[in-house]
Amino acid sequence: MTEVLQLFAPYGPGTLFGALLILVVFYFGKQWIEEYKKQNERKAALDQKREDRKQSEVNERAQRDRERSEMEGRIAAQMDRSNTLMEGMKTLMKSVLASNEALHADFMTSRERSQGMADDLTHVRDRVDMLYDKAARD
Protein backbone atom coordinates (compact mmCIF):
# COMPACT_ATOMS: atom_id res chain seq x y z
CA MET A 1 0.00 0.00 0.00
CA THR A 2 2.86 2.35 0.78
CA GLU A 3 4.24 1.67 -2.64
CA VAL A 4 1.00 2.94 -4.19
CA LEU A 5 1.17 6.05 -2.04
CA GLN A 6 4.76 6.62 -3.06
CA LEU A 7 3.72 6.23 -6.68
CA PHE A 8 1.15 9.05 -6.39
CA ALA A 9 3.26 11.21 -3.96
CA PRO A 10 4.85 13.35 -6.70
CA TYR A 11 1.35 14.25 -8.05
CA GLY A 12 -0.20 15.26 -4.75
CA PRO A 13 -3.13 13.98 -2.66
CA GLY A 14 -5.74 15.32 -5.10
CA THR A 15 -4.52 12.99 -7.81
CA LEU A 16 -4.65 10.05 -5.42
CA PHE A 17 -8.24 10.87 -4.44
CA GLY A 18 -9.13 11.45 -8.08
CA ALA A 19 -7.72 8.04 -9.01
CA LEU A 20 -9.62 6.45 -6.12
CA LEU A 21 -12.75 8.24 -7.18
CA ILE A 22 -12.34 7.00 -10.76
CA LEU A 23 -11.82 3.43 -9.48
CA VAL A 24 -14.92 3.64 -7.24
CA VAL A 25 -17.01 5.09 -10.10
CA PHE A 26 -15.69 2.43 -12.45
CA TYR A 27 -16.47 -0.36 -9.91
CA PHE A 28 -20.00 0.84 -9.14
CA GLY A 29 -20.62 1.70 -12.79
CA LYS A 30 -19.71 -1.85 -13.75
CA GLN A 31 -22.08 -3.24 -11.10
CA TRP A 32 -24.80 -0.84 -12.22
CA ILE A 33 -24.38 -1.94 -15.85
CA GLU A 34 -24.54 -5.61 -14.84
CA GLU A 35 -27.69 -4.98 -12.77
CA TYR A 36 -29.18 -3.01 -15.68
CA LYS A 37 -28.51 -5.95 -18.03
CA LYS A 38 -30.09 -8.36 -15.52
CA GLN A 39 -33.15 -6.10 -15.23
CA ASN A 40 -33.44 -5.98 -19.01
CA GLU A 41 -33.16 -9.78 -19.21
CA ARG A 42 -35.87 -10.18 -16.52
CA LYS A 43 -38.03 -7.65 -18.31
CA ALA A 44 -37.53 -9.49 -21.61
CA ALA A 45 -38.38 -12.80 -19.92
CA LEU A 46 -41.56 -11.29 -18.43
CA ASP A 47 -42.48 -9.79 -21.80
CA GLN A 48 -41.95 -13.19 -23.44
CA LYS A 49 -44.12 -14.87 -20.80
CA ARG A 50 -46.80 -12.23 -21.33
CA GLU A 51 -46.66 -12.73 -25.09
CA ASP A 52 -46.82 -16.52 -24.65
CA ARG A 53 -49.82 -16.14 -22.34
CA LYS A 54 -51.52 -13.80 -24.81
CA GLN A 55 -50.87 -16.24 -27.64
CA SER A 56 -52.26 -19.05 -25.51
CA GLU A 57 -55.39 -17.00 -24.82
CA VAL A 58 -55.74 -16.23 -28.53
CA ASN A 59 -55.41 -19.94 -29.34
CA GLU A 60 -57.98 -20.87 -26.69
CA ARG A 61 -60.37 -18.20 -27.95
CA ALA A 62 -59.92 -19.44 -31.52
CA GLN A 63 -60.60 -23.02 -30.36
CA ARG A 64 -63.77 -21.90 -28.53
CA ASP A 65 -64.87 -19.97 -31.61
CA ARG A 66 -64.32 -23.05 -33.80
CA GLU A 67 -66.26 -25.23 -31.38
CA ARG A 68 -69.06 -22.64 -31.16
CA SER A 69 -69.20 -22.42 -34.96
CA GLU A 70 -69.40 -26.21 -35.24
CA MET A 71 -72.15 -26.29 -32.61
CA GLU A 72 -74.06 -23.51 -34.36
CA GLY A 73 -73.72 -25.44 -37.62
CA ARG A 74 -75.13 -28.55 -35.99
CA ILE A 75 -77.95 -26.52 -34.43
CA ALA A 76 -78.74 -24.91 -37.79
CA ALA A 77 -78.81 -28.33 -39.48
CA GLN A 78 -81.07 -29.69 -36.74
CA MET A 79 -83.36 -26.66 -37.10
CA ASP A 80 -83.53 -27.26 -40.86
CA ARG A 81 -84.46 -30.90 -40.27
CA SER A 82 -87.06 -29.84 -37.70
CA ASN A 83 -88.50 -27.26 -40.08
CA THR A 84 -88.67 -29.86 -42.85
CA LEU A 85 -90.42 -32.29 -40.51
CA MET A 86 -92.83 -29.56 -39.39
CA GLU A 87 -93.68 -28.73 -43.01
CA GLY A 88 -94.26 -32.43 -43.67
CA MET A 89 -96.50 -32.65 -40.61
CA LYS A 90 -98.47 -29.58 -41.75
CA THR A 91 -98.96 -31.14 -45.18
CA LEU A 92 -100.02 -34.41 -43.58
CA MET A 93 -102.47 -32.61 -41.28
CA LYS A 94 -103.97 -30.74 -44.25
CA SER A 95 -104.36 -34.07 -46.03
CA VAL A 96 -105.99 -35.65 -42.96
CA LEU A 97 -108.36 -32.68 -42.60
CA ALA A 98 -109.31 -32.88 -46.27
CA SER A 99 -109.87 -36.62 -45.93
CA ASN A 100 -111.99 -36.09 -42.81
CA GLU A 101 -114.06 -33.46 -44.60
CA ALA A 102 -114.59 -35.85 -47.52
CA LEU A 103 -115.56 -38.65 -45.14
CA HIS A 104 -117.92 -36.32 -43.28
CA ALA A 105 -119.53 -35.28 -46.58
CA ASP A 106 -119.88 -38.97 -47.57
CA PHE A 107 -121.34 -39.72 -44.14
CA MET A 108 -123.87 -36.89 -44.46
CA THR A 109 -124.85 -38.08 -47.96
CA SER A 110 -125.18 -41.64 -46.68
CA ARG A 111 -127.24 -40.41 -43.75
CA GLU A 112 -129.56 -38.49 -46.05
CA ARG A 113 -129.98 -41.58 -48.29
CA SER A 114 -130.61 -43.76 -45.24
CA GLN A 115 -133.23 -41.29 -44.04
CA GLY A 116 -134.80 -41.36 -47.51
CA MET A 117 -134.80 -45.17 -47.51
CA ALA A 118 -136.37 -45.15 -44.00
CA ASP A 119 -139.09 -42.81 -45.28
CA ASP A 120 -139.66 -45.09 -48.28
CA LEU A 121 -139.79 -48.14 -46.03
CA THR A 122 -142.30 -46.42 -43.73
CA HIS A 123 -144.39 -45.57 -46.79
CA VAL A 124 -144.22 -49.22 -48.03
CA ARG A 125 -145.14 -50.50 -44.55
CA ASP A 126 -148.09 -48.14 -44.37
CA ARG A 127 -149.24 -49.38 -47.77
CA VAL A 128 -148.82 -53.01 -46.80
CA ASP A 129 -150.73 -52.38 -43.55
CA MET A 130 -153.45 -50.66 -45.51
CA LEU A 131 -153.64 -53.57 -47.92
CA TYR A 132 -153.85 -56.06 -45.03
CA ASP A 133 -156.51 -53.99 -43.33
CA LYS A 134 -158.47 -53.76 -46.59
CA ALA A 135 -158.07 -57.50 -47.18
CA ALA A 136 -159.12 -58.24 -43.62
CA ARG A 137 -162.29 -56.14 -43.93
CA ASP A 138 -163.39 -57.73 -47.13
C-alpha atoms as a PDB file:
ATOM      1  CA  MET A   1       0.000   0.000   0.000  1.00  0.00           C
ATOM      2  CA  THR A   2       2.862   2.354   0.779  1.00  0.00           C
ATOM      3  CA  GLU A   3       4.244   1.673  -2.641  1.00  0.00           C
ATOM      4  CA  VAL A   4       1.001   2.938  -4.190  1.00  0.00           C
ATOM      5  CA  LEU A   5       1.165   6.047  -2.038  1.00  0.00           C
ATOM      6  CA  GLN A   6       4.761   6.624  -3.063  1.00  0.00           C
ATOM      7  CA  LEU A   7       3.722   6.226  -6.681  1.00  0.00           C
ATOM      8  CA  PHE A   8       1.151   9.054  -6.389  1.00  0.00           C
ATOM      9  CA  ALA A   9       3.262  11.211  -3.960  1.00  0.00           C
ATOM     10  CA  PRO A  10       4.850  13.352  -6.699  1.00  0.00           C
ATOM     11  CA  TYR A  11       1.354  14.253  -8.053  1.00  0.00           C
ATOM     12  CA  GLY A  12      -0.203  15.262  -4.745  1.00  0.00           C
ATOM     13  CA  PRO A  13      -3.126  13.976  -2.659  1.00  0.00           C
ATOM     14  CA  GLY A  14      -5.736  15.324  -5.099  1.00  0.00           C
ATOM     15  CA  THR A  15      -4.518  12.988  -7.809  1.00  0.00           C
ATOM     16  CA  LEU A  16      -4.651  10.048  -5.420  1.00  0.00           C
ATOM     17  CA  PHE A  17      -8.237  10.874  -4.442  1.00  0.00           C
ATOM     18  CA  GLY A  18      -9.130  11.452  -8.085  1.00  0.00           C
ATOM     19  CA  ALA A  19      -7.716   8.037  -9.013  1.00  0.00           C
ATOM     20  CA  LEU A  20      -9.618   6.454  -6.117  1.00  0.00           C
ATOM     21  CA  LEU A  21     -12.750   8.239  -7.184  1.00  0.00           C
ATOM     22  CA  ILE A  22     -12.336   6.996 -10.760  1.00  0.00           C
ATOM     23  CA  LEU A  23     -11.823   3.427  -9.485  1.00  0.00           C
ATOM     24  CA  VAL A  24     -14.918   3.644  -7.239  1.00  0.00           C
ATOM     25  CA  VAL A  25     -17.012   5.093 -10.099  1.00  0.00           C
ATOM     26  CA  PHE A  26     -15.695   2.429 -12.452  1.00  0.00           C
ATOM     27  CA  TYR A  27     -16.471  -0.356  -9.912  1.00  0.00           C
ATOM     28  CA  PHE A  28     -20.000   0.843  -9.141  1.00  0.00           C
ATOM     29  CA  GLY A  29     -20.621   1.695 -12.790  1.00  0.00           C
ATOM     30  CA  LYS A  30     -19.714  -1.849 -13.749  1.00  0.00           C
ATOM     31  CA  GLN A  31     -22.081  -3.240 -11.102  1.00  0.00           C
ATOM     32  CA  TRP A  32     -24.797  -0.839 -12.224  1.00  0.00           C
ATOM     33  CA  ILE A  33     -24.383  -1.937 -15.853  1.00  0.00           C
ATOM     34  CA  GLU A  34     -24.535  -5.613 -14.837  1.00  0.00           C
ATOM     35  CA  GLU A  35     -27.686  -4.981 -12.774  1.00  0.00           C
ATOM     36  CA  TYR A  36     -29.178  -3.009 -15.683  1.00  0.00           C
ATOM     37  CA  LYS A  37     -28.505  -5.953 -18.026  1.00  0.00           C
ATOM     38  CA  LYS A  38     -30.090  -8.363 -15.520  1.00  0.00           C
ATOM     39  CA  GLN A  39     -33.152  -6.097 -15.225  1.00  0.00           C
ATOM     40  CA  ASN A  40     -33.444  -5.983 -19.014  1.00  0.00           C
ATOM     41  CA  GLU A  41     -33.161  -9.777 -19.206  1.00  0.00           C
ATOM     42  CA  ARG A  42     -35.867 -10.176 -16.524  1.00  0.00           C
ATOM     43  CA  LYS A  43     -38.034  -7.653 -18.312  1.00  0.00           C
ATOM     44  CA  ALA A  44     -37.534  -9.490 -21.610  1.00  0.00           C
ATOM     45  CA  ALA A  45     -38.385 -12.800 -19.923  1.00  0.00           C
ATOM     46  CA  LEU A  46     -41.564 -11.289 -18.435  1.00  0.00           C
ATOM     47  CA  ASP A  47     -42.476  -9.790 -21.803  1.00  0.00           C
ATOM     48  CA  GLN A  48     -41.946 -13.192 -23.441  1.00  0.00           C
ATOM     49  CA  LYS A  49     -44.119 -14.872 -20.798  1.00  0.00           C
ATOM     50  CA  ARG A  50     -46.799 -12.230 -21.334  1.00  0.00           C
ATOM     51  CA  GLU A  51     -46.664 -12.734 -25.088  1.00  0.00           C
ATOM     52  CA  ASP A  52     -46.824 -16.520 -24.648  1.00  0.00           C
ATOM     53  CA  ARG A  53     -49.824 -16.140 -22.341  1.00  0.00           C
ATOM     54  CA  LYS A  54     -51.517 -13.796 -24.809  1.00  0.00           C
ATOM     55  CA  GLN A  55     -50.870 -16.245 -27.644  1.00  0.00           C
ATOM     56  CA  SER A  56     -52.257 -19.054 -25.507  1.00  0.00           C
ATOM     57  CA  GLU A  57     -55.392 -17.004 -24.815  1.00  0.00           C
ATOM     58  CA  VAL A  58     -55.743 -16.231 -28.525  1.00  0.00           C
ATOM     59  CA  ASN A  59     -55.414 -19.936 -29.341  1.00  0.00           C
ATOM     60  CA  GLU A  60     -57.981 -20.872 -26.690  1.00  0.00           C
ATOM     61  CA  ARG A  61     -60.374 -18.203 -27.947  1.00  0.00           C
ATOM     62  CA  ALA A  62     -59.923 -19.441 -31.520  1.00  0.00           C
ATOM     63  CA  GLN A  63     -60.602 -23.022 -30.358  1.00  0.00           C
ATOM     64  CA  ARG A  64     -63.770 -21.900 -28.529  1.00  0.00           C
ATOM     65  CA  ASP A  65     -64.867 -19.970 -31.606  1.00  0.00           C
ATOM     66  CA  ARG A  66     -64.324 -23.045 -33.803  1.00  0.00           C
ATOM     67  CA  GLU A  67     -66.264 -25.227 -31.379  1.00  0.00           C
ATOM     68  CA  ARG A  68     -69.057 -22.640 -31.162  1.00  0.00           C
ATOM     69  CA  SER A  69     -69.197 -22.423 -34.958  1.00  0.00           C
ATOM     70  CA  GLU A  70     -69.398 -26.207 -35.239  1.00  0.00           C
ATOM     71  CA  MET A  71     -72.154 -26.287 -32.605  1.00  0.00           C
ATOM     72  CA  GLU A  72     -74.055 -23.506 -34.356  1.00  0.00           C
ATOM     73  CA  GLY A  73     -73.719 -25.437 -37.621  1.00  0.00           C
ATOM     74  CA  ARG A  74     -75.133 -28.549 -35.987  1.00  0.00           C
ATOM     75  CA  ILE A  75     -77.946 -26.524 -34.431  1.00  0.00           C
ATOM     76  CA  ALA A  76     -78.739 -24.913 -37.793  1.00  0.00           C
ATOM     77  CA  ALA A  77     -78.808 -28.333 -39.484  1.00  0.00           C
ATOM     78  CA  GLN A  78     -81.072 -29.686 -36.744  1.00  0.00           C
ATOM     79  CA  MET A  79     -83.358 -26.665 -37.097  1.00  0.00           C
ATOM     80  CA  ASP A  80     -83.531 -27.257 -40.857  1.00  0.00           C
ATOM     81  CA  ARG A  81     -84.456 -30.901 -40.268  1.00  0.00           C
ATOM     82  CA  SER A  82     -87.059 -29.843 -37.700  1.00  0.00           C
ATOM     83  CA  ASN A  83     -88.503 -27.260 -40.080  1.00  0.00           C
ATOM     84  CA  THR A  84     -88.666 -29.856 -42.854  1.00  0.00           C
ATOM     85  CA  LEU A  85     -90.425 -32.288 -40.511  1.00  0.00           C
ATOM     86  CA  MET A  86     -92.830 -29.564 -39.392  1.00  0.00           C
ATOM     87  CA  GLU A  87     -93.678 -28.729 -43.006  1.00  0.00           C
ATOM     88  CA  GLY A  88     -94.263 -32.428 -43.667  1.00  0.00           C
ATOM     89  CA  MET A  89     -96.502 -32.650 -40.605  1.00  0.00           C
ATOM     90  CA  LYS A  90     -98.470 -29.577 -41.745  1.00  0.00           C
ATOM     91  CA  THR A  91     -98.957 -31.139 -45.181  1.00  0.00           C
ATOM     92  CA  LEU A  92    -100.023 -34.414 -43.581  1.00  0.00           C
ATOM     93  CA  MET A  93    -102.468 -32.608 -41.282  1.00  0.00           C
ATOM     94  CA  LYS A  94    -103.974 -30.745 -44.250  1.00  0.00           C
ATOM     95  CA  SER A  95    -104.362 -34.069 -46.031  1.00  0.00           C
ATOM     96  CA  VAL A  96    -105.995 -35.652 -42.959  1.00  0.00           C
ATOM     97  CA  LEU A  97    -108.361 -32.678 -42.603  1.00  0.00           C
ATOM     98  CA  ALA A  98    -109.313 -32.879 -46.273  1.00  0.00           C
ATOM     99  CA  SER A  99    -109.866 -36.623 -45.929  1.00  0.00           C
ATOM    100  CA  ASN A 100    -111.991 -36.088 -42.807  1.00  0.00           C
ATOM    101  CA  GLU A 101    -114.056 -33.463 -44.605  1.00  0.00           C
ATOM    102  CA  ALA A 102    -114.594 -35.853 -47.525  1.00  0.00           C
ATOM    103  CA  LEU A 103    -115.564 -38.655 -45.139  1.00  0.00           C
ATOM    104  CA  HIS A 104    -117.918 -36.315 -43.281  1.00  0.00           C
ATOM    105  CA  ALA A 105    -119.532 -35.276 -46.577  1.00  0.00           C
ATOM    106  CA  ASP A 106    -119.884 -38.966 -47.568  1.00  0.00           C
ATOM    107  CA  PHE A 107    -121.341 -39.721 -44.139  1.00  0.00           C
ATOM    108  CA  MET A 108    -123.868 -36.891 -44.458  1.00  0.00           C
ATOM    109  CA  THR A 109    -124.846 -38.078 -47.960  1.00  0.00           C
ATOM    110  CA  SER A 110    -125.183 -41.643 -46.683  1.00  0.00           C
ATOM    111  CA  ARG A 111    -127.241 -40.410 -43.753  1.00  0.00           C
ATOM    112  CA  GLU A 112    -129.562 -38.494 -46.050  1.00  0.00           C
ATOM    113  CA  ARG A 113    -129.978 -41.579 -48.285  1.00  0.00           C
ATOM    114  CA  SER A 114    -130.610 -43.758 -45.244  1.00  0.00           C
ATOM    115  CA  GLN A 115    -133.234 -41.287 -44.043  1.00  0.00           C
ATOM    116  CA  GLY A 116    -134.798 -41.355 -47.515  1.00  0.00           C
ATOM    117  CA  MET A 117    -134.799 -45.170 -47.506  1.00  0.00           C
ATOM    118  CA  ALA A 118    -136.367 -45.151 -44.005  1.00  0.00           C
ATOM    119  CA  ASP A 119    -139.090 -42.813 -45.275  1.00  0.00           C
ATOM    120  CA  ASP A 120    -139.656 -45.087 -48.278  1.00  0.00           C
ATOM    121  CA  LEU A 121    -139.791 -48.137 -46.027  1.00  0.00           C
ATOM    122  CA  THR A 122    -142.302 -46.419 -43.729  1.00  0.00           C
ATOM    123  CA  HIS A 123    -144.391 -45.574 -46.794  1.00  0.00           C
ATOM    124  CA  VAL A 124    -144.222 -49.220 -48.032  1.00  0.00           C
ATOM    125  CA  ARG A 125    -145.136 -50.496 -44.553  1.00  0.00           C
ATOM    126  CA  ASP A 126    -148.089 -48.140 -44.367  1.00  0.00           C
ATOM    127  CA  ARG A 127    -149.242 -49.380 -47.771  1.00  0.00           C
ATOM    128  CA  VAL A 128    -148.817 -53.008 -46.800  1.00  0.00           C
ATOM    129  CA  ASP A 129    -150.728 -52.381 -43.550  1.00  0.00           C
ATOM    130  CA  MET A 130    -153.452 -50.657 -45.507  1.00  0.00           C
ATOM    131  CA  LEU A 131    -153.638 -53.573 -47.921  1.00  0.00           C
ATOM    132  CA  TYR A 132    -153.847 -56.058 -45.030  1.00  0.00           C
ATOM    133  CA  ASP A 133    -156.515 -53.989 -43.330  1.00  0.00           C
ATOM    134  CA  LYS A 134    -158.471 -53.755 -46.591  1.00  0.00           C
ATOM    135  CA  ALA A 135    -158.074 -57.495 -47.176  1.00  0.00           C
ATOM    136  CA  ALA A 136    -159.122 -58.237 -43.623  1.00  0.00           C
ATOM    137  CA  ARG A 137    -162.289 -56.138 -43.931  1.00  0.00           C
ATOM    138  CA  ASP A 138    -163.386 -57.733 -47.127  1.00  0.00           C
END
